[in-house]
């Protein structure tokens, strides 16, 4: 079996993986809304955008521990893709509200 590269599949505990995903989702989605608890809407919006963009950069730079790429390149790439996705989502939402 080893000569053919066949190994028994091993799976992680699905409850553990689910808990990790749930906690990660909660932290990632809660962090940008924190400014709305403490300040007015426009200030909170700017703070939320900065927190979100900073979090994307930090996540991209942090993943280099696994990918072995340059931290700055990875951070900027993740930040750019996430920011572009948010901008496109905002524009599509604005377009949809304009149409209806």
N, C-alpha and C. Protein backbone atom coordinates (compact mmCIF):
# COMPACT_ATOMS: atom_id res chain seq x y z
N UNK A 1 0.82 -1.19 0.00
CA UNK A 1 0.00 0.00 0.00
C UNK A 1 0.86 1.26 0.00
N UNK A 2 1.93 1.26 0.77
CA UNK A 2 2.79 2.44 0.82
C UNK A 2 3.47 2.70 -0.51
N UNK A 3 3.88 1.62 -1.19
CA UNK A 3 4.56 1.77 -2.47
C UNK A 3 3.67 2.45 -3.51
N UNK A 4 2.37 2.22 -3.41
CA UNK A 4 1.42 2.81 -4.35
C UNK A 4 0.93 4.18 -3.89
N UNK A 5 1.36 4.60 -2.71
CA UNK A 5 0.93 5.89 -2.19
C UNK A 5 -0.48 5.87 -1.63
N UNK A 6 -0.95 4.67 -1.26
CA UNK A 6 -2.30 4.55 -0.72
C UNK A 6 -2.23 4.55 0.81
N UNK A 7 -2.95 5.44 1.41
CA UNK A 7 -2.99 5.54 2.86
C UNK A 7 -4.44 5.62 3.30
N UNK A 8 -4.69 5.19 4.50
CA UNK A 8 -6.03 5.33 5.04
C UNK A 8 -6.31 6.81 5.27
N UNK A 9 -7.51 7.22 4.88
CA UNK A 9 -7.87 8.62 5.07
C UNK A 9 -8.13 8.90 6.53
N UNK A 10 -7.66 10.05 6.97
CA UNK A 10 -7.91 10.47 8.34
C UNK A 10 -8.67 11.79 8.28
N UNK A 11 -9.72 11.87 9.07
CA UNK A 11 -10.53 13.07 9.11
C UNK A 11 -10.45 13.69 10.49
N UNK A 12 -10.41 15.02 10.51
CA UNK A 12 -10.44 15.72 11.78
C UNK A 12 -11.84 15.64 12.37
N UNK A 13 -11.93 15.89 13.65
CA UNK A 13 -13.20 15.88 14.35
C UNK A 13 -14.11 16.97 13.77
N UNK A 14 -15.27 16.62 13.20
CA UNK A 14 -16.13 17.62 12.58
C UNK A 14 -16.68 18.65 13.56
N UNK A 15 -16.86 18.27 14.81
CA UNK A 15 -17.34 19.23 15.81
C UNK A 15 -16.28 20.28 16.06
N UNK A 16 -15.03 19.85 16.17
CA UNK A 16 -13.93 20.78 16.38
C UNK A 16 -13.78 21.73 15.19
N UNK A 17 -13.82 21.19 13.99
CA UNK A 17 -13.69 22.01 12.78
C UNK A 17 -14.86 22.99 12.68
N UNK A 18 -16.07 22.51 12.99
CA UNK A 18 -17.25 23.39 12.96
C UNK A 18 -17.15 24.51 13.98
N UNK A 19 -16.64 24.20 15.17
CA UNK A 19 -16.48 25.22 16.20
C UNK A 19 -15.45 26.26 15.78
N UNK A 20 -14.35 25.81 15.20
CA UNK A 20 -13.32 26.74 14.73
C UNK A 20 -13.89 27.66 13.65
N UNK A 21 -14.63 27.08 12.71
CA UNK A 21 -15.24 27.89 11.64
C UNK A 21 -16.25 28.88 12.20
N UNK A 22 -17.08 28.43 13.13
CA UNK A 22 -18.09 29.31 13.72
C UNK A 22 -17.48 30.48 14.47
N UNK A 23 -16.46 30.20 15.28
CA UNK A 23 -15.79 31.25 16.04
C UNK A 23 -15.08 32.21 15.09
N UNK A 24 -14.43 31.68 14.08
CA UNK A 24 -13.74 32.53 13.10
C UNK A 24 -14.73 33.43 12.37
N UNK A 25 -15.86 32.88 11.98
CA UNK A 25 -16.88 33.67 11.30
C UNK A 25 -17.40 34.78 12.21
N UNK A 26 -17.68 34.44 13.47
CA UNK A 26 -18.19 35.43 14.42
C UNK A 26 -17.19 36.57 14.62
N UNK A 27 -15.94 36.23 14.87
CA UNK A 27 -14.92 37.26 15.09
C UNK A 27 -14.74 38.12 13.84
N UNK A 28 -14.68 37.47 12.69
CA UNK A 28 -14.49 38.20 11.44
C UNK A 28 -15.64 39.11 11.09
N UNK A 29 -16.85 38.72 11.43
CA UNK A 29 -18.00 39.55 11.08
C UNK A 29 -18.33 40.57 12.17
N UNK A 30 -17.96 40.31 13.41
CA UNK A 30 -18.27 41.22 14.50
C UNK A 30 -17.29 42.39 14.58
N UNK A 31 -16.04 42.14 14.27
CA UNK A 31 -15.01 43.17 14.42
C UNK A 31 -15.33 44.46 13.67
N UNK A 32 -15.75 44.43 12.41
CA UNK A 32 -16.02 45.69 11.71
C UNK A 32 -17.24 46.45 12.22
N UNK A 33 -18.15 45.82 12.97
CA UNK A 33 -19.32 46.56 13.43
C UNK A 33 -19.12 47.18 14.81
N UNK A 34 -18.02 46.92 15.46
CA UNK A 34 -17.75 47.48 16.78
C UNK A 34 -17.85 49.01 16.80
N UNK A 35 -17.31 49.73 15.80
CA UNK A 35 -17.40 51.21 15.86
C UNK A 35 -18.84 51.74 15.93
N UNK A 36 -19.80 51.01 15.42
CA UNK A 36 -21.18 51.47 15.43
C UNK A 36 -21.78 51.52 16.84
N UNK A 37 -21.16 50.84 17.79
CA UNK A 37 -21.62 50.89 19.17
C UNK A 37 -21.15 52.15 19.89
N UNK A 38 -20.16 52.83 19.34
CA UNK A 38 -19.52 53.91 20.07
C UNK A 38 -19.58 55.29 19.42
N UNK A 39 -19.98 55.39 18.18
CA UNK A 39 -19.90 56.69 17.51
C UNK A 39 -21.00 56.84 16.47
N UNK A 40 -21.03 58.00 15.83
CA UNK A 40 -22.06 58.29 14.83
C UNK A 40 -21.83 57.49 13.56
N UNK A 41 -22.82 57.52 12.69
CA UNK A 41 -22.79 56.62 11.53
C UNK A 41 -21.64 56.87 10.57
N UNK A 42 -21.33 58.13 10.21
CA UNK A 42 -20.26 58.37 9.23
C UNK A 42 -18.88 58.04 9.80
N UNK A 43 -18.67 58.41 11.05
CA UNK A 43 -17.39 58.09 11.69
C UNK A 43 -17.26 56.57 11.84
N UNK A 44 -18.36 55.93 12.21
CA UNK A 44 -18.35 54.47 12.35
C UNK A 44 -18.10 53.79 11.01
N UNK A 45 -18.66 54.35 9.94
CA UNK A 45 -18.45 53.76 8.61
C UNK A 45 -16.98 53.81 8.23
N UNK A 46 -16.35 54.96 8.42
CA UNK A 46 -14.92 55.09 8.08
C UNK A 46 -14.09 54.16 8.95
N UNK A 47 -14.38 54.13 10.26
CA UNK A 47 -13.63 53.24 11.16
C UNK A 47 -13.84 51.78 10.77
N UNK A 48 -15.06 51.43 10.42
CA UNK A 48 -15.36 50.06 10.01
C UNK A 48 -14.60 49.67 8.75
N UNK A 49 -14.56 50.58 7.78
CA UNK A 49 -13.80 50.32 6.56
C UNK A 49 -12.32 50.11 6.86
N UNK A 50 -11.76 50.97 7.70
CA UNK A 50 -10.34 50.85 8.04
C UNK A 50 -10.06 49.56 8.80
N UNK A 51 -10.95 49.20 9.71
CA UNK A 51 -10.77 47.94 10.45
C UNK A 51 -10.85 46.75 9.50
N UNK A 52 -11.82 46.78 8.60
CA UNK A 52 -11.98 45.69 7.64
C UNK A 52 -10.78 45.55 6.72
N UNK A 53 -10.31 46.67 6.18
CA UNK A 53 -9.15 46.64 5.29
C UNK A 53 -7.90 46.20 6.04
N UNK A 54 -7.74 46.70 7.26
CA UNK A 54 -6.60 46.29 8.08
C UNK A 54 -6.65 44.81 8.43
N UNK A 55 -7.84 44.32 8.71
CA UNK A 55 -8.00 42.89 9.01
C UNK A 55 -7.67 42.02 7.81
N UNK A 56 -8.10 42.47 6.63
CA UNK A 56 -7.78 41.72 5.41
C UNK A 56 -6.27 41.67 5.18
N UNK A 57 -5.60 42.80 5.38
CA UNK A 57 -4.15 42.81 5.21
C UNK A 57 -3.49 41.88 6.22
N UNK A 58 -3.92 41.96 7.47
CA UNK A 58 -3.34 41.12 8.52
C UNK A 58 -3.56 39.64 8.23
N UNK A 59 -4.75 39.29 7.78
CA UNK A 59 -5.04 37.90 7.42
C UNK A 59 -4.15 37.44 6.27
N UNK A 60 -4.01 38.28 5.25
CA UNK A 60 -3.16 37.94 4.11
C UNK A 60 -1.70 37.80 4.50
N UNK A 61 -1.23 38.72 5.35
CA UNK A 61 0.17 38.64 5.79
C UNK A 61 0.38 37.43 6.69
N UNK A 62 -0.63 37.10 7.51
CA UNK A 62 -0.51 35.97 8.42
C UNK A 62 -0.52 34.62 7.72
N UNK A 63 -1.19 34.54 6.58
CA UNK A 63 -1.26 33.24 5.90
C UNK A 63 0.08 32.83 5.30
N UNK A 64 1.05 33.73 5.29
CA UNK A 64 2.36 33.39 4.73
C UNK A 64 3.09 32.36 5.58
N UNK A 65 2.63 32.15 6.80
CA UNK A 65 3.20 31.08 7.62
C UNK A 65 2.95 29.72 6.96
N UNK A 66 1.84 29.63 6.24
CA UNK A 66 1.49 28.38 5.56
C UNK A 66 1.95 28.37 4.11
N UNK A 67 1.85 29.51 3.43
CA UNK A 67 2.12 29.54 1.99
C UNK A 67 3.57 29.82 1.65
N UNK A 68 4.34 30.31 2.60
CA UNK A 68 5.77 30.61 2.40
C UNK A 68 6.02 31.65 1.31
N UNK A 69 5.06 32.57 1.13
CA UNK A 69 5.26 33.67 0.19
C UNK A 69 5.65 34.92 0.97
N UNK A 70 5.98 35.99 0.27
CA UNK A 70 6.37 37.23 0.93
C UNK A 70 5.15 37.84 1.62
N UNK A 71 5.31 38.25 2.87
CA UNK A 71 4.17 38.71 3.66
C UNK A 71 3.53 39.97 3.09
N UNK A 72 4.32 40.89 2.57
CA UNK A 72 3.76 42.13 2.04
C UNK A 72 2.93 41.87 0.79
N UNK A 73 3.46 41.05 -0.09
CA UNK A 73 2.72 40.72 -1.32
C UNK A 73 1.41 40.02 -0.99
N UNK A 74 1.46 39.06 -0.10
CA UNK A 74 0.27 38.31 0.27
C UNK A 74 -0.75 39.21 0.97
N UNK A 75 -0.27 40.07 1.85
CA UNK A 75 -1.17 40.99 2.56
C UNK A 75 -1.86 41.95 1.61
N UNK A 76 -1.10 42.53 0.70
CA UNK A 76 -1.68 43.46 -0.27
C UNK A 76 -2.64 42.76 -1.21
N UNK A 77 -2.30 41.54 -1.60
CA UNK A 77 -3.18 40.78 -2.50
C UNK A 77 -4.52 40.48 -1.84
N UNK A 78 -4.49 39.99 -0.61
CA UNK A 78 -5.72 39.68 0.10
C UNK A 78 -6.53 40.95 0.36
N UNK A 79 -5.84 42.02 0.73
CA UNK A 79 -6.51 43.29 0.97
C UNK A 79 -7.17 43.80 -0.31
N UNK A 80 -6.46 43.71 -1.42
CA UNK A 80 -7.00 44.18 -2.70
C UNK A 80 -8.21 43.38 -3.15
N UNK A 81 -8.13 42.07 -3.06
CA UNK A 81 -9.24 41.22 -3.49
C UNK A 81 -10.46 41.44 -2.59
N UNK A 82 -10.24 41.50 -1.29
CA UNK A 82 -11.35 41.72 -0.37
C UNK A 82 -11.99 43.09 -0.53
N UNK A 83 -11.17 44.11 -0.73
CA UNK A 83 -11.69 45.46 -0.92
C UNK A 83 -12.45 45.56 -2.23
N UNK A 84 -11.93 44.94 -3.28
CA UNK A 84 -12.63 44.95 -4.57
C UNK A 84 -13.96 44.22 -4.47
N UNK A 85 -13.99 43.09 -3.77
CA UNK A 85 -15.24 42.34 -3.60
C UNK A 85 -16.26 43.17 -2.83
N UNK A 86 -15.82 43.87 -1.79
CA UNK A 86 -16.74 44.71 -1.02
C UNK A 86 -17.27 45.86 -1.87
N UNK A 87 -16.40 46.48 -2.66
CA UNK A 87 -16.82 47.59 -3.51
C UNK A 87 -17.82 47.13 -4.57
N UNK A 88 -17.57 45.98 -5.17
CA UNK A 88 -18.49 45.45 -6.18
C UNK A 88 -19.84 45.11 -5.53
N UNK A 89 -19.80 44.52 -4.36
CA UNK A 89 -21.04 44.22 -3.64
C UNK A 89 -21.83 45.47 -3.31
N UNK A 90 -21.12 46.51 -2.89
CA UNK A 90 -21.78 47.79 -2.58
C UNK A 90 -22.40 48.39 -3.83
N UNK A 91 -21.65 48.38 -4.93
CA UNK A 91 -22.17 48.94 -6.18
C UNK A 91 -23.38 48.16 -6.70
N UNK A 92 -23.33 46.85 -6.62
CA UNK A 92 -24.47 46.04 -7.06
C UNK A 92 -25.69 46.28 -6.17
N UNK A 93 -25.46 46.44 -4.87
CA UNK A 93 -26.56 46.75 -3.96
C UNK A 93 -27.17 48.11 -4.26
N UNK A 94 -26.33 49.08 -4.55
CA UNK A 94 -26.82 50.41 -4.92
C UNK A 94 -27.60 50.36 -6.22
N UNK A 95 -27.10 49.60 -7.17
CA UNK A 95 -27.78 49.45 -8.45
C UNK A 95 -29.14 48.77 -8.26
N UNK A 96 -29.18 47.75 -7.43
CA UNK A 96 -30.43 47.04 -7.19
C UNK A 96 -31.46 47.94 -6.51
N UNK A 97 -31.02 48.78 -5.57
CA UNK A 97 -31.97 49.68 -4.92
C UNK A 97 -32.42 50.78 -5.87
N UNK A 98 -31.59 51.15 -6.82
CA UNK A 98 -31.95 52.17 -7.80
C UNK A 98 -32.98 51.62 -8.79
N UNK A 99 -32.86 50.33 -9.12
CA UNK A 99 -33.77 49.70 -10.08
C UNK A 99 -35.15 49.50 -9.47
N UNK A 100 -35.21 49.12 -8.20
CA UNK A 100 -36.51 48.81 -7.59
C UNK A 100 -37.20 50.01 -7.01
